Amino acid sequence: SAQIADLQQKLLDADNGDRAKQRWDSIATILEAKCALKYLLGELVSSKVQESKLQSSLAQSQASCSDVQKMLMEERNHTAELETAFQNQILVQEQQHQEKVNRSSRKSW
């Protein structure tokens, strides 16, 4: 039944395509040509409006992406700075601890 439904849909699609082609092929008068041209120009305008909206949306998305990338880079830099400061602090504490251990071992001699 799925194959039958698929074949029926293909037949409907092919029939609709043939009808559209027949409509364009059967234009016989100037009035029909004007109507067809008016329809096509309307579709062109609609497509141009849609393209413009999509271009605007793309530009906004690109700007937003750029902002997010900039913030990410700033956060990475900040994290690296904090990590460096933390490592330095650990080093200082290790040195202080070692000095205390050395002083304690000298006193016990």
Protein backbone atom coordinates (compact mmCIF):
# COMPACT_ATOMS: atom_id res chain seq x y z
CA SER A 1 0.00 0.00 0.00
CA ALA A 2 2.95 2.31 0.66
CA GLN A 3 4.26 1.69 -2.85
CA ILE A 4 0.83 2.34 -4.32
CA ALA A 5 0.53 5.61 -2.41
CA ASP A 6 4.02 6.59 -3.56
CA LEU A 7 3.18 5.84 -7.20
CA GLN A 8 -0.10 7.78 -6.92
CA GLN A 9 1.77 10.78 -5.53
CA LYS A 10 4.30 10.58 -8.37
CA LEU A 11 1.48 10.53 -10.90
CA LEU A 12 -0.15 13.58 -9.28
CA ASP A 13 3.16 15.45 -9.28
CA ALA A 14 3.81 14.60 -12.92
CA ASP A 15 0.26 15.61 -13.85
CA ASN A 16 0.62 18.97 -12.08
CA GLY A 17 3.91 19.60 -13.87
CA ASP A 18 2.30 18.79 -17.20
CA ARG A 19 -0.64 21.10 -16.46
CA ALA A 20 1.66 24.02 -15.69
CA LYS A 21 3.59 23.41 -18.89
CA GLN A 22 0.38 23.14 -20.86
CA ARG A 23 -0.88 26.43 -19.40
CA TRP A 24 2.24 28.24 -20.56
CA ASP A 25 2.18 26.49 -23.92
CA SER A 26 -1.49 27.40 -24.46
CA ILE A 27 -1.07 31.18 -24.09
CA ALA A 28 -2.62 32.44 -27.29
CA THR A 29 -3.67 36.04 -26.71
CA ILE A 30 -1.98 39.23 -25.62
CA LEU A 31 -4.32 39.38 -22.62
CA GLU A 32 -3.24 35.92 -21.49
CA ALA A 33 0.41 36.89 -22.01
CA LYS A 34 -0.10 40.06 -19.95
CA CYS A 35 -1.69 38.06 -17.14
CA ALA A 36 1.15 35.54 -17.22
CA LEU A 37 3.72 38.32 -17.24
CA LYS A 38 1.97 40.07 -14.34
CA TYR A 39 2.02 36.81 -12.38
CA LEU A 40 5.70 36.24 -13.12
CA LEU A 41 6.62 39.79 -12.10
CA GLY A 42 4.68 39.32 -8.84
CA GLU A 43 6.62 36.13 -8.18
CA LEU A 44 9.88 37.95 -8.97
CA VAL A 45 9.07 40.76 -6.54
CA SER A 46 8.11 38.23 -3.88
CA SER A 47 11.37 36.36 -4.43
CA LYS A 48 13.39 39.57 -4.21
CA VAL A 49 11.66 40.56 -0.95
CA GLN A 50 12.33 37.10 0.48
CA GLU A 51 15.97 37.30 -0.66
CA SER A 52 16.35 40.69 1.00
CA LYS A 53 14.90 39.37 4.27
CA LEU A 54 17.22 36.37 4.15
CA GLN A 55 20.24 38.59 3.42
CA SER A 56 19.35 40.79 6.38
CA SER A 57 18.91 37.77 8.62
CA LEU A 58 22.25 36.38 7.43
CA ALA A 59 24.00 39.67 8.17
CA GLN A 60 22.50 39.77 11.66
CA SER A 61 23.53 36.16 12.27
CA GLN A 62 27.06 36.86 11.09
CA ALA A 63 27.31 39.90 13.36
CA SER A 64 26.00 37.87 16.27
CA CYS A 65 28.45 35.07 15.53
CA SER A 66 31.30 37.56 15.39
CA ASP A 67 30.26 38.99 18.77
CA VAL A 68 30.10 35.53 20.31
CA GLN A 69 33.53 34.63 18.88
CA LYS A 70 34.96 37.86 20.32
CA MET A 71 33.46 37.13 23.75
CA LEU A 72 34.77 33.57 23.61
CA MET A 73 38.26 34.79 22.80
CA GLU A 74 38.12 37.32 25.65
CA GLU A 75 37.00 34.59 28.05
CA ARG A 76 39.79 32.29 26.88
CA ASN A 77 42.33 35.05 27.42
CA HIS A 78 40.91 35.79 30.87
CA THR A 79 40.99 32.10 31.76
CA ALA A 80 44.60 31.85 30.60
CA GLU A 81 45.52 34.88 32.73
CA LEU A 82 43.79 33.38 35.77
CA GLU A 83 45.52 30.06 35.19
CA THR A 84 48.91 31.76 34.95
CA ALA A 85 48.24 33.71 38.15
CA PHE A 86 47.10 30.52 39.88
CA GLN A 87 50.21 28.63 38.76
CA ASN A 88 52.40 31.50 40.02
CA GLN A 89 50.58 31.46 43.34
CA ILE A 90 51.12 27.69 43.65
CA LEU A 91 54.81 28.16 42.85
CA VAL A 92 55.18 30.86 45.50
CA GLN A 93 53.41 28.71 48.10
CA GLU A 94 55.58 25.71 47.23
CA GLN A 95 58.69 27.86 47.62
CA GLN A 96 57.48 29.21 50.96
CA HIS A 97 56.69 25.71 52.15
CA GLN A 98 60.10 24.48 51.06
CA GLU A 99 61.76 27.36 52.92
CA LYS A 100 59.81 26.47 56.09
CA VAL A 101 60.78 22.82 55.73
CA ASN A 102 64.43 23.81 55.26
CA ARG A 103 64.32 26.13 58.31
CA SER A 104 62.69 23.42 60.40
CA SER A 105 65.27 20.88 59.40
CA ARG A 106 68.14 23.30 60.24
CA LYS A 107 66.69 24.00 63.70
CA SER A 108 66.41 20.32 64.50
CA TRP A 109 70.12 19.74 63.77
